[in-house]
C-alpha atoms as a PDB file:
ATOM      1  CA  UNK A   1      17.408  36.853  22.732  1.00  0.00           C
ATOM      2  CA  UNK A   2      14.823  34.615  21.066  1.00  0.00           C
ATOM      3  CA  UNK A   3      12.876  37.660  19.889  1.00  0.00           C
ATOM      4  CA  UNK A   4      16.036  39.152  18.347  1.00  0.00           C
ATOM      5  CA  UNK A   5      16.766  35.916  16.492  1.00  0.00           C
ATOM      6  CA  UNK A   6      13.161  35.727  15.262  1.00  0.00           C
ATOM      7  CA  UNK A   7      13.223  39.292  13.966  1.00  0.00           C
ATOM      8  CA  UNK A   8      16.545  38.701  12.233  1.00  0.00           C
ATOM      9  CA  UNK A   9      15.203  35.588  10.543  1.00  0.00           C
ATOM     10  CA  UNK A  10      12.053  37.391   9.472  1.00  0.00           C
ATOM     11  CA  UNK A  11      14.108  40.212   7.947  1.00  0.00           C
ATOM     12  CA  UNK A  12      16.306  37.749   6.101  1.00  0.00           C
ATOM     13  CA  UNK A  13      13.238  35.893   4.913  1.00  0.00           C
ATOM     14  CA  UNK A  14      11.703  38.978   3.352  1.00  0.00           C
ATOM     15  CA  UNK A  15      14.975  39.752   1.523  1.00  0.00           C
ATOM     16  CA  UNK A  16      15.708  36.254   0.235  1.00  0.00           C
ATOM     17  CA  UNK A  17      12.281  35.117  -0.925  1.00  0.00           C
ATOM     18  CA  UNK A  18      11.547  35.187  -4.677  1.00  0.00           C
ATOM     19  CA  UNK A  19       9.670  38.285  -5.724  1.00  0.00           C
ATOM     20  CA  UNK A  20       8.286  37.066  -9.054  1.00  0.00           C
ATOM     21  CA  UNK A  21       4.536  37.305  -9.679  1.00  0.00           C
ATOM     22  CA  UNK A  22       3.987  33.614  -8.866  1.00  0.00           C
ATOM     23  CA  UNK A  23       5.410  34.051  -5.365  1.00  0.00           C
ATOM     24  CA  UNK A  24       4.971  37.652  -4.286  1.00  0.00           C
ATOM     25  CA  UNK A  25       1.381  37.605  -3.059  1.00  0.00           C
ATOM     26  CA  UNK A  26       1.345  34.463  -0.901  1.00  0.00           C
ATOM     27  CA  UNK A  27       4.854  35.098   0.502  1.00  0.00           C
ATOM     28  CA  UNK A  28       4.169  38.642   1.672  1.00  0.00           C
ATOM     29  CA  UNK A  29       3.982  37.886   5.377  1.00  0.00           C
ATOM     30  CA  UNK A  30       3.351  40.999   7.461  1.00  0.00           C
ATOM     31  CA  UNK A  31       6.377  42.708   9.004  1.00  0.00           C
ATOM     32  CA  UNK A  32       6.926  41.539  12.535  1.00  0.00           C
ATOM     33  CA  UNK A  33       5.459  38.073  12.014  1.00  0.00           C
ATOM     34  CA  UNK A  34       6.833  35.428  14.353  1.00  0.00           C
ATOM     35  CA  UNK A  35       9.093  32.814  12.768  1.00  0.00           C
ATOM     36  CA  UNK A  36       9.185  29.069  13.384  1.00  0.00           C
ATOM     37  CA  UNK A  37      12.185  27.234  11.953  1.00  0.00           C
ATOM     38  CA  UNK A  38      14.749  24.598  12.923  1.00  0.00           C
ATOM     39  CA  UNK A  39      15.930  25.614  16.368  1.00  0.00           C
ATOM     40  CA  UNK A  40      13.608  28.621  16.547  1.00  0.00           C
ATOM     41  CA  UNK A  41      10.241  28.246  18.273  1.00  0.00           C
ATOM     42  CA  UNK A  42       7.773  31.119  18.775  1.00  0.00           C
ATOM     43  CA  UNK A  43       6.093  31.668  22.150  1.00  0.00           C
ATOM     44  CA  UNK A  44       3.020  29.585  22.927  1.00  0.00           C
ATOM     45  CA  UNK A  45       0.860  32.660  22.267  1.00  0.00           C
ATOM     46  CA  UNK A  46       1.604  34.513  19.019  1.00  0.00           C
ATOM     47  CA  UNK A  47      -0.318  37.826  18.945  1.00  0.00           C
ATOM     48  CA  UNK A  48      -0.102  38.171  15.149  1.00  0.00           C
ATOM     49  CA  UNK A  49       0.955  36.066  12.167  1.00  0.00           C
ATOM     50  CA  UNK A  50       3.528  33.283  12.083  1.00  0.00           C
ATOM     51  CA  UNK A  51       5.823  32.120   9.277  1.00  0.00           C
ATOM     52  CA  UNK A  52       6.592  28.387   9.127  1.00  0.00           C
ATOM     53  CA  UNK A  53       9.974  27.453   7.637  1.00  0.00           C
ATOM     54  CA  UNK A  54      11.753  24.118   7.137  1.00  0.00           C
ATOM     55  CA  UNK A  55      12.422  22.271  10.377  1.00  0.00           C
ATOM     56  CA  UNK A  56       9.627  24.032  12.274  1.00  0.00           C
ATOM     57  CA  UNK A  57       8.044  22.217  15.202  1.00  0.00           C
ATOM     58  CA  UNK A  58       4.967  24.075  16.420  1.00  0.00           C
ATOM     59  CA  UNK A  59       3.108  22.166  19.150  1.00  0.00           C
ATOM     60  CA  UNK A  60       0.477  23.561  21.534  1.00  0.00           C
ATOM     61  CA  UNK A  61       0.702  27.075  20.101  1.00  0.00           C
ATOM     62  CA  UNK A  62      -2.066  29.652  19.733  1.00  0.00           C
ATOM     63  CA  UNK A  63      -1.613  31.920  16.707  1.00  0.00           C
ATOM     64  CA  UNK A  64      -4.055  34.839  16.716  1.00  0.00           C
ATOM     65  CA  UNK A  65      -3.328  35.801  13.106  1.00  0.00           C
ATOM     66  CA  UNK A  66      -2.605  33.860   9.911  1.00  0.00           C
ATOM     67  CA  UNK A  67      -0.126  31.053   9.426  1.00  0.00           C
ATOM     68  CA  UNK A  68       2.087  31.372   6.323  1.00  0.00           C
ATOM     69  CA  UNK A  69       3.641  28.002   5.451  1.00  0.00           C
ATOM     70  CA  UNK A  70       6.819  28.585   3.452  1.00  0.00           C
ATOM     71  CA  UNK A  71       8.395  25.228   4.326  1.00  0.00           C
ATOM     72  CA  UNK A  72       9.237  23.157   1.252  1.00  0.00           C
ATOM     73  CA  UNK A  73      10.639  20.022   2.908  1.00  0.00           C
ATOM     74  CA  UNK A  74       9.741  17.423   5.490  1.00  0.00           C
ATOM     75  CA  UNK A  75      10.464  17.410   9.211  1.00  0.00           C
ATOM     76  CA  UNK A  76       7.950  20.191   9.721  1.00  0.00           C
ATOM     77  CA  UNK A  77       4.838  19.803  11.865  1.00  0.00           C
ATOM     78  CA  UNK A  78       2.051  21.893  13.372  1.00  0.00           C
ATOM     79  CA  UNK A  79       0.137  20.094  16.115  1.00  0.00           C
ATOM     80  CA  UNK A  80      -2.377  20.500  18.931  1.00  0.00           C
ATOM     81  CA  UNK A  81      -2.758  24.244  18.516  1.00  0.00           C
ATOM     82  CA  UNK A  82      -5.074  26.931  17.221  1.00  0.00           C
ATOM     83  CA  UNK A  83      -4.870  29.418  14.344  1.00  0.00           C
ATOM     84  CA  UNK A  84      -7.107  32.478  14.602  1.00  0.00           C
ATOM     85  CA  UNK A  85      -6.931  33.319  10.889  1.00  0.00           C
ATOM     86  CA  UNK A  86      -6.109  31.369   7.725  1.00  0.00           C
ATOM     87  CA  UNK A  87      -3.445  28.774   6.989  1.00  0.00           C
ATOM     88  CA  UNK A  88      -1.781  29.657   3.670  1.00  0.00           C
ATOM     89  CA  UNK A  89       0.653  27.357   1.869  1.00  0.00           C
ATOM     90  CA  UNK A  90       2.917  28.775  -0.853  1.00  0.00           C
ATOM     91  CA  UNK A  91       3.857  27.131  -4.179  1.00  0.00           C
ATOM     92  CA  UNK A  92       5.929  24.033  -3.491  1.00  0.00           C
ATOM     93  CA  UNK A  93       5.053  24.278   0.209  1.00  0.00           C
ATOM     94  CA  UNK A  94       4.734  21.375   2.644  1.00  0.00           C
ATOM     95  CA  UNK A  95       2.046  21.361   5.363  1.00  0.00           C
ATOM     96  CA  UNK A  96       1.730  18.671   8.020  1.00  0.00           C
ATOM     97  CA  UNK A  97      -0.906  19.601  10.580  1.00  0.00           C
ATOM     98  CA  UNK A  98      -2.570  17.468  13.270  1.00  0.00           C
ATOM     99  CA  UNK A  99      -5.018  18.156  16.077  1.00  0.00           C
ATOM    100  CA  UNK A 100      -5.321  21.846  15.203  1.00  0.00           C
ATOM    101  CA  UNK A 101      -8.301  24.228  15.124  1.00  0.00           C
ATOM    102  CA  UNK A 102      -8.333  26.789  12.321  1.00  0.00           C
ATOM    103  CA  UNK A 103     -10.768  29.687  12.794  1.00  0.00           C
ATOM    104  CA  UNK A 104     -10.375  30.745   9.163  1.00  0.00           C
ATOM    105  CA  UNK A 105      -9.710  28.569   6.137  1.00  0.00           C
ATOM    106  CA  UNK A 106      -6.887  26.614   4.512  1.00  0.00           C
ATOM    107  CA  UNK A 107      -5.590  27.957   1.194  1.00  0.00           C
ATOM    108  CA  UNK A 108      -3.233  25.874  -0.964  1.00  0.00           C
ATOM    109  CA  UNK A 109      -1.424  27.781  -3.714  1.00  0.00           C
ATOM    110  CA  UNK A 110       0.121  24.988  -5.813  1.00  0.00           C
ATOM    111  CA  UNK A 111       1.501  23.323  -2.702  1.00  0.00           C
ATOM    112  CA  UNK A 112       3.535  20.142  -2.843  1.00  0.00           C
ATOM    113  CA  UNK A 113       1.906  18.275   0.071  1.00  0.00           C
ATOM    114  CA  UNK A 114      -0.881  19.193   2.470  1.00  0.00           C
ATOM    115  CA  UNK A 115      -1.503  16.494   5.063  1.00  0.00           C
ATOM    116  CA  UNK A 116      -4.129  17.320   7.685  1.00  0.00           C
ATOM    117  CA  UNK A 117      -5.328  14.912  10.373  1.00  0.00           C
ATOM    118  CA  UNK A 118      -7.840  15.565  13.166  1.00  0.00           C
ATOM    119  CA  UNK A 119      -8.174  19.241  12.264  1.00  0.00           C
ATOM    120  CA  UNK A 120     -11.225  21.485  12.528  1.00  0.00           C
ATOM    121  CA  UNK A 121     -11.591  24.249   9.932  1.00  0.00           C
ATOM    122  CA  UNK A 122     -14.270  26.896  10.434  1.00  0.00           C
ATOM    123  CA  UNK A 123     -14.317  28.002   6.802  1.00  0.00           C
ATOM    124  CA  UNK A 124     -13.208  26.246   3.605  1.00  0.00           C
ATOM    125  CA  UNK A 125     -10.282  24.136   2.431  1.00  0.00           C
ATOM    126  CA  UNK A 126      -9.428  25.129  -1.110  1.00  0.00           C
ATOM    127  CA  UNK A 127      -6.690  25.276  -3.694  1.00  0.00           C
ATOM    128  CA  UNK A 128      -4.232  23.074  -5.547  1.00  0.00           C
ATOM    129  CA  UNK A 129      -1.609  20.646  -4.278  1.00  0.00           C
ATOM    130  CA  UNK A 130       0.151  17.614  -5.667  1.00  0.00           C
ATOM    131  CA  UNK A 131      -1.158  15.543  -2.760  1.00  0.00           C
ATOM    132  CA  UNK A 132      -3.821  16.640  -0.299  1.00  0.00           C
ATOM    133  CA  UNK A 133      -4.866  14.345   2.540  1.00  0.00           C
ATOM    134  CA  UNK A 134      -7.705  15.333   4.883  1.00  0.00           C
ATOM    135  CA  UNK A 135      -8.317  12.657   7.518  1.00  0.00           C
ATOM    136  CA  UNK A 136     -10.677  12.371  10.485  1.00  0.00           C
ATOM    137  CA  UNK A 137     -11.392  16.081  10.334  1.00  0.00           C
ATOM    138  CA  UNK A 138     -14.267  18.571  10.287  1.00  0.00           C
ATOM    139  CA  UNK A 139     -14.581  21.333   7.701  1.00  0.00           C
ATOM    140  CA  UNK A 140     -17.541  23.644   8.260  1.00  0.00           C
ATOM    141  CA  UNK A 141     -17.270  25.286   4.854  1.00  0.00           C
ATOM    142  CA  UNK A 142     -16.653  23.796   1.418  1.00  0.00           C
ATOM    143  CA  UNK A 143     -13.810  21.612   0.198  1.00  0.00           C
ATOM    144  CA  UNK A 144     -12.638  22.713  -3.256  1.00  0.00           C
ATOM    145  CA  UNK A 145      -9.467  20.857  -4.204  1.00  0.00           C
ATOM    146  CA  UNK A 146      -7.549  20.146  -7.391  1.00  0.00           C
ATOM    147  CA  UNK A 147      -4.206  18.715  -8.432  1.00  0.00           C
ATOM    148  CA  UNK A 148      -1.839  20.209 -11.023  1.00  0.00           C
ATOM    149  CA  UNK A 149      -2.052  18.332 -14.292  1.00  0.00           C
ATOM    150  CA  UNK A 150       1.674  18.618 -14.972  1.00  0.00           C
ATOM    151  CA  UNK A 151       2.927  16.503 -12.058  1.00  0.00           C
ATOM    152  CA  UNK A 152       2.830  12.717 -11.431  1.00  0.00           C
ATOM    153  CA  UNK A 153       1.358  11.023  -8.346  1.00  0.00           C
ATOM    154  CA  UNK A 154      -1.457  13.513  -7.934  1.00  0.00           C
ATOM    155  CA  UNK A 155      -3.770  12.516  -5.110  1.00  0.00           C
ATOM    156  CA  UNK A 156      -6.790  13.785  -3.200  1.00  0.00           C
ATOM    157  CA  UNK A 157      -7.641  11.744  -0.103  1.00  0.00           C
ATOM    158  CA  UNK A 158     -10.565  12.303   2.268  1.00  0.00           C
ATOM    159  CA  UNK A 159     -10.926   9.737   5.015  1.00  0.00           C
ATOM    160  CA  UNK A 160     -13.398   9.808   7.928  1.00  0.00           C
ATOM    161  CA  UNK A 161     -14.101  13.510   7.383  1.00  0.00           C
ATOM    162  CA  UNK A 162     -17.244  15.622   7.814  1.00  0.00           C
ATOM    163  CA  UNK A 163     -17.781  18.576   5.459  1.00  0.00           C
ATOM    164  CA  UNK A 164     -20.523  21.155   5.997  1.00  0.00           C
ATOM    165  CA  UNK A 165     -20.331  22.634   2.491  1.00  0.00           C
ATOM    166  CA  UNK A 166     -20.026  21.235  -1.004  1.00  0.00           C
ATOM    167  CA  UNK A 167     -17.149  18.895  -1.849  1.00  0.00           C
ATOM    168  CA  UNK A 168     -15.596  19.545  -5.277  1.00  0.00           C
ATOM    169  CA  UNK A 169     -12.652  17.342  -6.275  1.00  0.00           C
ATOM    170  CA  UNK A 170     -10.986  18.084  -9.610  1.00  0.00           C
ATOM    171  CA  UNK A 171      -8.372  15.940 -11.410  1.00  0.00           C
ATOM    172  CA  UNK A 172      -5.957  13.518  -9.766  1.00  0.00           C
ATOM    173  CA  UNK A 173      -6.553  10.164  -8.075  1.00  0.00           C
ATOM    174  CA  UNK A 174      -9.387  10.474  -5.562  1.00  0.00           C
ATOM    175  CA  UNK A 175     -10.028   8.284  -2.533  1.00  0.00           C
ATOM    176  CA  UNK A 176     -13.003   9.239  -0.336  1.00  0.00           C
ATOM    177  CA  UNK A 177     -13.605   6.771   2.507  1.00  0.00           C
ATOM    178  CA  UNK A 178     -16.183   7.372   5.221  1.00  0.00           C
ATOM    179  CA  UNK A 179     -16.947  10.862   3.943  1.00  0.00           C
ATOM    180  CA  UNK A 180     -19.978  12.704   5.316  1.00  0.00           C
ATOM    181  CA  UNK A 181     -20.983  15.649   3.122  1.00  0.00           C
ATOM    182  CA  UNK A 182     -23.764  17.881   4.424  1.00  0.00           C
ATOM    183  CA  UNK A 183     -24.327  19.138   0.878  1.00  0.00           C
ATOM    184  CA  UNK A 184     -23.117  17.519  -2.336  1.00  0.00           C
ATOM    185  CA  UNK A 185     -20.111  15.863  -3.985  1.00  0.00           C
ATOM    186  CA  UNK A 186     -18.716  16.554  -7.461  1.00  0.00           C
ATOM    187  CA  UNK A 187     -15.903  14.591  -9.119  1.00  0.00           C
ATOM    188  CA  UNK A 188     -14.639  16.203 -12.318  1.00  0.00           C
ATOM    189  CA  UNK A 189     -11.835  15.188 -14.675  1.00  0.00           C
ATOM    190  CA  UNK A 190     -10.492  12.689 -12.125  1.00  0.00           C
ATOM    191  CA  UNK A 191      -7.907  10.155 -13.280  1.00  0.00           C
ATOM    192  CA  UNK A 192      -9.289   7.521 -10.904  1.00  0.00           C
ATOM    193  CA  UNK A 193     -11.788   7.670  -8.066  1.00  0.00           C
ATOM    194  CA  UNK A 194     -13.138   5.397  -5.341  1.00  0.00           C
ATOM    195  CA  UNK A 195     -15.867   6.632  -2.986  1.00  0.00           C
ATOM    196  CA  UNK A 196     -17.156   4.234  -0.342  1.00  0.00           C
ATOM    197  CA  UNK A 197     -18.738   4.088   3.095  1.00  0.00           C
ATOM    198  CA  UNK A 198     -19.945   7.626   2.549  1.00  0.00           C
ATOM    199  CA  UNK A 199     -23.086   9.675   3.132  1.00  0.00           C
ATOM    200  CA  UNK A 200     -23.917  12.645   0.912  1.00  0.00           C
ATOM    201  CA  UNK A 201     -26.940  14.821   1.688  1.00  0.00           C
ATOM    202  CA  UNK A 202     -27.202  16.416  -1.764  1.00  0.00           C
ATOM    203  CA  UNK A 203     -26.338  15.417  -5.331  1.00  0.00           C
ATOM    204  CA  UNK A 204     -23.393  13.278  -6.358  1.00  0.00           C
ATOM    205  CA  UNK A 205     -22.046  14.226  -9.792  1.00  0.00           C
ATOM    206  CA  UNK A 206     -19.376  12.440 -11.831  1.00  0.00           C
ATOM    207  CA  UNK A 207     -18.312  14.590 -14.778  1.00  0.00           C
ATOM    208  CA  UNK A 208     -15.713  13.976 -17.509  1.00  0.00           C
ATOM    209  CA  UNK A 209     -13.797  11.159 -15.770  1.00  0.00           C
ATOM    210  CA  UNK A 210     -10.372  10.475 -17.284  1.00  0.00           C
ATOM    211  CA  UNK A 211     -10.151   7.030 -15.665  1.00  0.00           C
ATOM    212  CA  UNK A 212     -12.240   4.447 -13.835  1.00  0.00           C
ATOM    213  CA  UNK A 213     -14.649   5.695 -11.158  1.00  0.00           C
ATOM    214  CA  UNK A 214     -16.416   3.654  -8.501  1.00  0.00           C
ATOM    215  CA  UNK A 215     -19.041   5.092  -6.163  1.00  0.00           C
ATOM    216  CA  UNK A 216     -20.399   2.887  -3.377  1.00  0.00           C
ATOM    217  CA  UNK A 217     -19.233  -0.111  -1.438  1.00  0.00           C
ATOM    218  CA  UNK A 218     -17.870  -0.744   2.014  1.00  0.00           C
ATOM    219  CA  UNK A 219     -15.050   0.984   3.822  1.00  0.00           C
ATOM    220  CA  UNK A 220     -12.665  -1.356   5.620  1.00  0.00           C
ATOM    221  CA  UNK A 221      -9.571  -0.223   7.492  1.00  0.00           C
ATOM    222  CA  UNK A 222      -9.470   3.101   5.678  1.00  0.00           C
ATOM    223  CA  UNK A 223      -9.838   1.757   2.163  1.00  0.00           C
ATOM    224  CA  UNK A 224     -12.613   0.599  -0.189  1.00  0.00           C
ATOM    225  CA  UNK A 225     -13.566  -3.071  -0.519  1.00  0.00           C
ATOM    226  CA  UNK A 226     -16.311  -4.742  -2.514  1.00  0.00           C
ATOM    227  CA  UNK A 227     -18.823  -7.465  -1.697  1.00  0.00           C
ATOM    228  CA  UNK A 228     -22.426  -8.287  -2.549  1.00  0.00           C
ATOM    229  CA  UNK A 229     -23.662  -7.578   0.990  1.00  0.00           C
ATOM    230  CA  UNK A 230     -22.089  -4.148   1.413  1.00  0.00           C
ATOM    231  CA  UNK A 231     -24.230  -1.659   3.383  1.00  0.00           C
ATOM    232  CA  UNK A 232     -25.943   0.953   1.278  1.00  0.00           C
ATOM    233  CA  UNK A 233     -24.278   4.310   0.848  1.00  0.00           C
ATOM    234  CA  UNK A 234     -26.700   7.240   1.008  1.00  0.00           C
ATOM    235  CA  UNK A 235     -27.245   9.928  -1.628  1.00  0.00           C
ATOM    236  CA  UNK A 236     -29.830  12.443  -0.431  1.00  0.00           C
ATOM    237  CA  UNK A 237     -30.201  14.099  -3.832  1.00  0.00           C
ATOM    238  CA  UNK A 238     -29.723  12.802  -7.360  1.00  0.00           C
ATOM    239  CA  UNK A 239     -26.859  10.757  -8.786  1.00  0.00           C
ATOM    240  CA  UNK A 240     -25.551  12.106 -12.089  1.00  0.00           C
ATOM    241  CA  UNK A 241     -22.974  10.653 -14.474  1.00  0.00           C
ATOM    242  CA  UNK A 242     -22.192  13.070 -17.296  1.00  0.00           C
ATOM    243  CA  UNK A 243     -19.818  12.951 -20.275  1.00  0.00           C
ATOM    244  CA  UNK A 244     -18.237   9.699 -19.136  1.00  0.00           C
ATOM    245  CA  UNK A 245     -16.060   7.957 -21.710  1.00  0.00           C
ATOM    246  CA  UNK A 246     -14.394   5.817 -19.019  1.00  0.00           C
ATOM    247  CA  UNK A 247     -15.859   3.013 -16.869  1.00  0.00           C
ATOM    248  CA  UNK A 248     -18.120   4.139 -14.029  1.00  0.00           C
ATOM    249  CA  UNK A 249     -19.470   1.658 -11.454  1.00  0.00           C
ATOM    250  CA  UNK A 250     -22.300   2.566  -9.062  1.00  0.00           C
ATOM    251  CA  UNK A 251     -22.599  -0.047  -6.319  1.00  0.00           C
ATOM    252  CA  UNK A 252     -24.983  -0.488  -3.383  1.00  0.00           C
ATOM    253  CA  UNK A 253     -26.397   3.030  -3.107  1.00  0.00           C
ATOM    254  CA  UNK A 254     -29.679   4.369  -1.748  1.00  0.00           C
ATOM    255  CA  UNK A 255     -30.525   7.350  -3.967  1.00  0.00           C
ATOM    256  CA  UNK A 256     -33.325   9.638  -2.774  1.00  0.00           C
ATOM    257  CA  UNK A 257     -33.508  11.548  -6.074  1.00  0.00           C
ATOM    258  CA  UNK A 258     -33.009  10.565  -9.707  1.00  0.00           C
ATOM    259  CA  UNK A 259     -30.363   8.528 -11.468  1.00  0.00           C
ATOM    260  CA  UNK A 260     -29.228  10.424 -14.569  1.00  0.00           C
ATOM    261  CA  UNK A 261     -26.649   9.194 -17.101  1.00  0.00           C
ATOM    262  CA  UNK A 262     -26.038  11.403 -20.128  1.00  0.00           C
ATOM    263  CA  UNK A 263     -23.402  11.288 -22.875  1.00  0.00           C
ATOM    264  CA  UNK A 264     -21.871   8.042 -21.623  1.00  0.00           C
ATOM    265  CA  UNK A 265     -20.455   6.069 -24.580  1.00  0.00           C
ATOM    266  CA  UNK A 266     -19.138   3.511 -22.082  1.00  0.00           C
ATOM    267  CA  UNK A 267     -22.174   1.983 -20.311  1.00  0.00           C
ATOM    268  CA  UNK A 268     -22.465   2.821 -16.640  1.00  0.00           C
ATOM    269  CA  UNK A 269     -22.523  -0.335 -14.530  1.00  0.00           C
ATOM    270  CA  UNK A 270     -25.033  -0.375 -11.671  1.00  0.00           C
ATOM    271  CA  UNK A 271     -25.396  -3.053  -8.985  1.00  0.00           C
ATOM    272  CA  UNK A 272     -27.681  -3.046  -5.985  1.00  0.00           C
ATOM    273  CA  UNK A 273     -29.030   0.486  -6.452  1.00  0.00           C
ATOM    274  CA  UNK A 274     -32.248   1.702  -4.808  1.00  0.00           C
ATOM    275  CA  UNK A 275     -33.481   4.765  -6.690  1.00  0.00           C
ATOM    276  CA  UNK A 276     -36.516   6.599  -5.326  1.00  0.00           C
ATOM    277  CA  UNK A 277     -36.833   8.937  -8.298  1.00  0.00           C
ATOM    278  CA  UNK A 278     -36.576   8.398 -12.040  1.00  0.00           C
ATOM    279  CA  UNK A 279     -33.887   6.628 -14.035  1.00  0.00           C
ATOM    280  CA  UNK A 280     -33.023   8.753 -17.055  1.00  0.00           C
ATOM    281  CA  UNK A 281     -30.664   8.684 -19.996  1.00  0.00           C
ATOM    282  CA  UNK A 282     -28.491   5.639 -20.636  1.00  0.00           C
ATOM    283  CA  UNK A 283     -29.213   4.370 -17.082  1.00  0.00           C
ATOM    284  CA  UNK A 284     -32.973   4.208 -17.702  1.00  0.00           C
END
C-alpha cells in the first residue's frame, strides 16, 4: 500500500512541477524515485533516489542514490542517515539536515535555506542560497557558496567546521567561527564578514568588500568577540586585502607568508599581527 501511494505521489509530482528552464533540470528526478512527504515515509533502505517534499521526516534512512529536495517550507528534516549520491536543492528549496553522511556533494540551486549540522560531505558544498548554515561538520572537498544579490537577509555561516578544500564565500553577511580550512579562504564582495577562532592552512584573501570585514579574534559561544589578549589565529599562507573601499580589520593573527594590501583607499587596520614574510602595499 505504501509503495502504491509513493508511486502515485511521484507521478503527480512529475506532472505538477514547473517545466520552465529555471526548474526543469534540477527537478527532473528519475522515474521510480521514492517520495518522502507529510504522512509518507520511504523504507529505511532506498535502493535509488528519493524526492523530499514539504512535511518530510526522514530519520535513520540510507539512500543509495541522490536526494532531490523539492520542499519549499519548514517542518522538513533529514537526520541520522546516509546519502550515497548528491543532495540537490531546487530554487526556493528548504534543506534541514543533521547527523547525515553524504557520499557525494551538496548542490544548492538558488535555494531559500540550507541548514546543515553535524554532517559529513565527501565532495563539495556549492551553490547559491539566501541563507546557508554549515555547523560542526566536515566537508572533504571545497566550499563554494554565494547568496543572491536580489534578496534581503543573505547569510553564510560556518561554525566549528573542517573543510578539506578551498573555502570561497561570495556576497552576503559572512560569519566564520572556529573554521579549519586545509587550504585557503577567500571572501569576495561580502556585505559584512567576521572570521574568528579559525585556522587556515593556505592564503586568506579579502577582495572587493561591500561592508566592514574583520579577520581574527576569539570565538566565544559560537560568535566572535574582541579583546587584547585573544589567541592568535593562524594563516599558513599569505594574507591579502585587495580593492577594499570599506573598513577591514586584521586582529591577532600569525601569518606565515606575506601581508599584502593593494588598492585600499580606506586604510587597513592591523593589531597584534605576527607576519613572517614581507609587508607590502599600503600595509607596509
